[in-house]
Amino acid sequence: MDILDVKRILQENNICESCCLIDPQPLVEGALCLCHEKGTGWRVLLNERGNFLINEFRASEDAACRLFLSYALSDPTHRKDFRQSDLLNYHERAKALLTKYGLPSLK
């Protein structure tokens, strides 16, 4: 899996472009970010008010893309059409999406 796959899957699932960013410069607070660290690998980050709630490194683009998508698809608030009622069944929807794309579940 690569960045083009990530972009396609985000679009297919109506994910808000400002909520899930690929290689933003600089990092955007409150957004889930997939960042390429030149020469070392990839990092998935989520910074809220100066605290990194997510800060996970992966050496390969494939592993980082899969992790990023797992986070993006597991949070219903990332959807452009998010409604409060989506919170009622988001675990089942997230599990189905992760299975559909062969992504790891989050712990």
C-alpha atoms as a PDB file:
ATOM      1  CA  MET A   1       0.000   0.000   0.000  1.00  0.00           C
ATOM      2  CA  ASP A   2       1.244   3.496  -0.794  1.00  0.00           C
ATOM      3  CA  ILE A   3       0.195   7.136  -0.536  1.00  0.00           C
ATOM      4  CA  LEU A   4      -1.951   6.928  -3.684  1.00  0.00           C
ATOM      5  CA  ASP A   5      -3.903   4.041  -2.138  1.00  0.00           C
ATOM      6  CA  VAL A   6      -4.368   6.068   1.051  1.00  0.00           C
ATOM      7  CA  LYS A   7      -5.712   9.059  -0.854  1.00  0.00           C
ATOM      8  CA  ARG A   8      -8.124   6.856  -2.801  1.00  0.00           C
ATOM      9  CA  ILE A   9      -9.425   5.094   0.324  1.00  0.00           C
ATOM     10  CA  LEU A  10      -9.853   8.378   2.193  1.00  0.00           C
ATOM     11  CA  GLN A  11     -11.864   9.755  -0.712  1.00  0.00           C
ATOM     12  CA  GLU A  12     -13.955   6.569  -1.072  1.00  0.00           C
ATOM     13  CA  ASN A  13     -14.911   6.816   2.586  1.00  0.00           C
ATOM     14  CA  ASN A  14     -15.718  10.531   2.616  1.00  0.00           C
ATOM     15  CA  ILE A  15     -12.898  11.416   5.035  1.00  0.00           C
ATOM     16  CA  CYS A  16     -12.386  15.133   5.641  1.00  0.00           C
ATOM     17  CA  GLU A  17      -9.170  16.393   4.023  1.00  0.00           C
ATOM     18  CA  SER A  18      -8.456  18.759   6.915  1.00  0.00           C
ATOM     19  CA  CYS A  19      -8.806  15.976   9.519  1.00  0.00           C
ATOM     20  CA  CYS A  20      -6.389  13.488   7.959  1.00  0.00           C
ATOM     21  CA  LEU A  21      -3.307  14.952   6.290  1.00  0.00           C
ATOM     22  CA  ILE A  22      -0.430  13.452   4.357  1.00  0.00           C
ATOM     23  CA  ASP A  23       2.977  15.033   4.954  1.00  0.00           C
ATOM     24  CA  PRO A  24       1.745  18.455   6.135  1.00  0.00           C
ATOM     25  CA  GLN A  25       4.345  21.179   6.576  1.00  0.00           C
ATOM     26  CA  PRO A  26       4.137  22.268   9.347  1.00  0.00           C
ATOM     27  CA  LEU A  27       2.151  19.789  11.442  1.00  0.00           C
ATOM     28  CA  VAL A  28      -1.462  20.785  11.955  1.00  0.00           C
ATOM     29  CA  GLU A  29      -2.713  20.575  15.505  1.00  0.00           C
ATOM     30  CA  GLY A  30      -5.773  18.383  15.868  1.00  0.00           C
ATOM     31  CA  ALA A  31      -5.289  16.571  12.550  1.00  0.00           C
ATOM     32  CA  LEU A  32      -4.191  12.989  12.084  1.00  0.00           C
ATOM     33  CA  CYS A  33      -0.953  13.229  10.086  1.00  0.00           C
ATOM     34  CA  LEU A  34       1.109  10.769   8.051  1.00  0.00           C
ATOM     35  CA  CYS A  35       4.638  12.179   7.825  1.00  0.00           C
ATOM     36  CA  HIS A  36       7.598  10.959   5.801  1.00  0.00           C
ATOM     37  CA  GLU A  37      10.832  11.221   7.743  1.00  0.00           C
ATOM     38  CA  LYS A  38      13.424  11.378   4.988  1.00  0.00           C
ATOM     39  CA  GLY A  39      15.847   8.493   5.145  1.00  0.00           C
ATOM     40  CA  THR A  40      14.337   6.778   8.173  1.00  0.00           C
ATOM     41  CA  GLY A  41      10.691   5.951   7.600  1.00  0.00           C
ATOM     42  CA  TRP A  42       7.207   7.221   8.377  1.00  0.00           C
ATOM     43  CA  ARG A  43       5.387   8.553  11.412  1.00  0.00           C
ATOM     44  CA  VAL A  44       1.666   8.715  12.236  1.00  0.00           C
ATOM     45  CA  LEU A  45       0.942  11.661  14.522  1.00  0.00           C
ATOM     46  CA  LEU A  46      -1.960  13.330  16.263  1.00  0.00           C
ATOM     47  CA  ASN A  47      -1.118  16.430  18.297  1.00  0.00           C
ATOM     48  CA  GLU A  48      -3.797  17.923  20.547  1.00  0.00           C
ATOM     49  CA  ARG A  49      -2.869  21.071  22.464  1.00  0.00           C
ATOM     50  CA  GLY A  50       0.812  20.219  22.524  1.00  0.00           C
ATOM     51  CA  ASN A  51       0.325  16.576  23.535  1.00  0.00           C
ATOM     52  CA  PHE A  52       0.993  13.794  21.051  1.00  0.00           C
ATOM     53  CA  LEU A  53      -1.958  11.449  21.464  1.00  0.00           C
ATOM     54  CA  ILE A  54      -0.604   9.342  18.605  1.00  0.00           C
ATOM     55  CA  ASN A  55       3.099   9.151  17.755  1.00  0.00           C
ATOM     56  CA  GLU A  56       3.948   5.888  16.033  1.00  0.00           C
ATOM     57  CA  PHE A  57       6.906   5.180  13.751  1.00  0.00           C
ATOM     58  CA  ARG A  58       6.953   2.637  10.920  1.00  0.00           C
ATOM     59  CA  ALA A  59       9.981   1.893   8.762  1.00  0.00           C
ATOM     60  CA  SER A  60       7.981   1.083   5.637  1.00  0.00           C
ATOM     61  CA  GLU A  61       5.499   3.155   3.665  1.00  0.00           C
ATOM     62  CA  ASP A  62       3.130   0.176   3.530  1.00  0.00           C
ATOM     63  CA  ALA A  63       3.020  -0.293   7.311  1.00  0.00           C
ATOM     64  CA  ALA A  64       2.636   3.442   7.956  1.00  0.00           C
ATOM     65  CA  CYS A  65      -0.155   3.794   5.394  1.00  0.00           C
ATOM     66  CA  ARG A  66      -2.028   0.861   6.921  1.00  0.00           C
ATOM     67  CA  LEU A  67      -1.694   2.293  10.427  1.00  0.00           C
ATOM     68  CA  PHE A  68      -2.752   5.782   9.283  1.00  0.00           C
ATOM     69  CA  LEU A  69      -5.836   4.376   7.562  1.00  0.00           C
ATOM     70  CA  SER A  70      -6.707   2.287  10.610  1.00  0.00           C
ATOM     71  CA  TYR A  71      -6.822   5.452  12.692  1.00  0.00           C
ATOM     72  CA  ALA A  72      -8.592   7.495  10.001  1.00  0.00           C
ATOM     73  CA  LEU A  73     -11.324   4.936   9.348  1.00  0.00           C
ATOM     74  CA  SER A  74     -11.848   4.053  13.026  1.00  0.00           C
ATOM     75  CA  ASP A  75     -12.863   7.563  14.078  1.00  0.00           C
ATOM     76  CA  PRO A  76     -16.309   8.596  12.818  1.00  0.00           C
ATOM     77  CA  THR A  77     -15.555  12.277  13.455  1.00  0.00           C
ATOM     78  CA  HIS A  78     -13.134  12.197  10.502  1.00  0.00           C
ATOM     79  CA  ARG A  79     -16.038  11.734   8.087  1.00  0.00           C
ATOM     80  CA  LYS A  80     -17.327  14.765   6.170  1.00  0.00           C
ATOM     81  CA  ASP A  81     -20.897  13.628   6.819  1.00  0.00           C
ATOM     82  CA  PHE A  82     -20.411  12.914  10.539  1.00  0.00           C
ATOM     83  CA  ARG A  83     -23.535  13.024  12.681  1.00  0.00           C
ATOM     84  CA  GLN A  84     -23.783  12.545  16.430  1.00  0.00           C
ATOM     85  CA  SER A  85     -25.827   9.375  15.843  1.00  0.00           C
ATOM     86  CA  ASP A  86     -22.788   7.821  14.097  1.00  0.00           C
ATOM     87  CA  LEU A  87     -21.253   7.316  17.535  1.00  0.00           C
ATOM     88  CA  LEU A  88     -23.855   4.679  18.379  1.00  0.00           C
ATOM     89  CA  ASN A  89     -22.535   2.010  16.014  1.00  0.00           C
ATOM     90  CA  TYR A  90     -19.056   3.182  15.092  1.00  0.00           C
ATOM     91  CA  HIS A  91     -17.278   0.097  16.449  1.00  0.00           C
ATOM     92  CA  GLU A  92     -19.128  -2.184  14.043  1.00  0.00           C
ATOM     93  CA  ARG A  93     -18.662   0.173  11.086  1.00  0.00           C
ATOM     94  CA  ALA A  94     -14.962   0.628  11.843  1.00  0.00           C
ATOM     95  CA  LYS A  95     -14.393  -3.112  12.137  1.00  0.00           C
ATOM     96  CA  ALA A  96     -16.138  -3.698   8.800  1.00  0.00           C
ATOM     97  CA  LEU A  97     -14.040  -1.003   7.067  1.00  0.00           C
ATOM     98  CA  LEU A  98     -10.773  -2.297   8.495  1.00  0.00           C
ATOM     99  CA  THR A  99     -11.642  -5.809   7.356  1.00  0.00           C
ATOM    100  CA  LYS A 100     -12.652  -4.579   3.889  1.00  0.00           C
ATOM    101  CA  TYR A 101      -9.227  -2.997   3.333  1.00  0.00           C
ATOM    102  CA  GLY A 102      -7.191  -5.626   5.193  1.00  0.00           C
ATOM    103  CA  LEU A 103      -6.089  -3.146   7.854  1.00  0.00           C
ATOM    104  CA  PRO A 104      -4.995  -3.873  11.427  1.00  0.00           C
ATOM    105  CA  SER A 105      -7.461  -3.178  14.211  1.00  0.00           C
ATOM    106  CA  LEU A 106      -6.443  -0.679  16.831  1.00  0.00           C
ATOM    107  CA  LYS A 107      -6.000  -1.731  20.415  1.00  0.00           C
END
